[in-house]
Structure formats: structure tokens, C-alpha cells
Amino acid sequence: MLKVQHRKIRAPITPAEAEQCFLRAIEIAQHQTTQLFELRATVLLCHLRQQQGKIAQARQTLNELYRWFTEGLNTSDLQKARILREALS
């Protein structure tokens, strides 16, 4: 028999809460040395910062991580990161 878990409905999170979630995801990815997951979380964090007008901070964060990658530059994750980098320039 399938158990159904009920969750409380919660209001949308604030930008500050979202930023903390992204930072935690980046921290976990770094600890697990999973660069792809770190890249995904970083791209999401940088999108958030871009929306908040924190362009320089987003650009610096993304540039530091993007430089690690020397292969797989045609993957969708790295293409998204490259497009965001260009938008932040």
C-alpha cells in the first residue's frame, strides 16, 4: 500500500531565503566535489542576484566557477552558464 505524505502549504520563500538555499546547495556540492551540481546551483544563485541588481557580484561568482571547466562546453548546463555570463557582462 502506498503511503501518502501530507505537507503543509507554505507561502513562497523570500529572495533572502532562496539565496540561503542556493548557497547551501553550493556548499554541499563542493563538499561532495560535484562540479556540475555546483554549477547548476551557482547559475540559479546568479540569476537571483541579477534580478536583485547585484550584477557585479553575480558576474564574479559565475566567472570564478565557469573558468574551471575546460571540457563539455557544449553541454546544456555550460551553455546556460555562458549565456548568463554574457548577459552579466
Protein backbone atom coordinates (compact mmCIF):
# COMPACT_ATOMS: atom_id res chain seq x y z
CA MET A 1 0.00 0.00 0.00
CA LEU A 2 1.29 3.47 -0.94
CA LYS A 3 1.72 5.92 1.90
CA VAL A 4 0.76 9.49 1.15
CA GLN A 5 2.64 12.20 2.94
CA HIS A 6 0.85 15.45 3.52
CA ARG A 7 2.80 18.67 3.51
CA LYS A 8 1.77 22.00 4.83
CA ILE A 9 1.24 24.59 2.15
CA ARG A 10 3.76 27.34 2.64
CA ALA A 11 3.94 30.82 1.23
CA PRO A 12 6.62 31.41 -1.40
CA ILE A 13 10.07 31.92 0.04
CA THR A 14 11.73 35.31 0.11
CA PRO A 15 14.73 36.16 -2.07
CA ALA A 16 16.93 36.02 1.05
CA GLU A 17 15.68 32.51 1.84
CA ALA A 18 16.23 31.44 -1.76
CA GLU A 19 19.78 32.80 -1.65
CA GLN A 20 20.49 30.80 1.51
CA CYS A 21 19.15 27.64 -0.14
CA PHE A 22 21.37 28.17 -3.20
CA LEU A 23 24.41 28.85 -1.02
CA ARG A 24 23.72 25.67 0.95
CA ALA A 25 23.37 23.68 -2.28
CA ILE A 26 26.72 25.07 -3.46
CA GLU A 27 28.32 24.15 -0.15
CA ILE A 28 27.01 20.59 -0.36
CA ALA A 29 28.16 20.23 -3.98
CA GLN A 30 31.63 21.48 -3.03
CA HIS A 31 31.80 19.03 -0.14
CA GLN A 32 30.79 16.19 -2.47
CA THR A 33 33.07 17.51 -5.25
CA THR A 34 30.26 17.52 -7.79
CA GLN A 35 31.12 20.44 -10.03
CA LEU A 36 28.05 20.02 -12.24
CA PHE A 37 25.68 20.42 -9.30
CA GLU A 38 27.74 23.33 -8.04
CA LEU A 39 27.45 24.95 -11.47
CA ARG A 40 23.68 24.47 -11.54
CA ALA A 41 23.21 25.99 -8.08
CA THR A 42 25.59 28.83 -8.92
CA VAL A 43 23.72 29.68 -12.11
CA LEU A 44 20.46 29.83 -10.17
CA LEU A 45 22.08 31.99 -7.49
CA CYS A 46 23.45 34.33 -10.15
CA HIS A 47 20.03 34.63 -11.80
CA LEU A 48 18.62 35.64 -8.44
CA ARG A 49 21.39 38.19 -7.88
CA GLN A 50 20.86 39.55 -11.38
CA GLN A 51 17.18 40.10 -10.57
CA GLN A 52 18.21 41.88 -7.37
CA GLY A 53 20.53 44.20 -9.30
CA LYS A 54 23.68 42.61 -7.83
CA ILE A 55 25.26 42.29 -11.28
CA ALA A 56 28.93 42.63 -10.28
CA GLN A 57 28.55 40.05 -7.51
CA ALA A 58 26.76 37.64 -9.86
CA ARG A 59 29.37 38.13 -12.58
CA GLN A 60 32.28 37.48 -10.22
CA THR A 61 30.67 34.39 -8.70
CA LEU A 62 29.87 32.87 -12.07
CA ASN A 63 33.21 33.74 -13.68
CA GLU A 64 35.16 32.08 -10.87
CA LEU A 65 33.31 28.81 -11.33
CA TYR A 66 32.99 28.85 -15.13
CA ARG A 67 36.77 29.02 -15.56
CA TRP A 68 37.14 25.54 -14.01
CA PHE A 69 35.51 23.89 -16.98
CA THR A 70 37.73 23.01 -19.92
CA GLU A 71 35.60 20.24 -21.43
CA GLY A 72 31.95 19.71 -22.12
CA LEU A 73 31.46 23.32 -23.10
CA ASN A 74 28.60 22.28 -25.40
CA THR A 75 26.56 20.73 -22.58
CA SER A 76 23.31 22.48 -21.76
CA ASP A 77 24.47 23.43 -18.26
CA LEU A 78 27.61 25.14 -19.51
CA GLN A 79 25.73 26.78 -22.37
CA LYS A 80 23.28 28.26 -19.86
CA ALA A 81 26.20 29.48 -17.75
CA ARG A 82 27.88 31.02 -20.80
CA ILE A 83 24.68 32.82 -21.85
CA LEU A 84 24.27 34.18 -18.33
CA ARG A 85 27.93 35.28 -18.26
CA GLU A 86 27.37 37.20 -21.49
CA ALA A 87 24.21 38.81 -20.08
CA LEU A 88 26.11 39.89 -16.97
CA SER A 89 28.96 41.47 -18.96
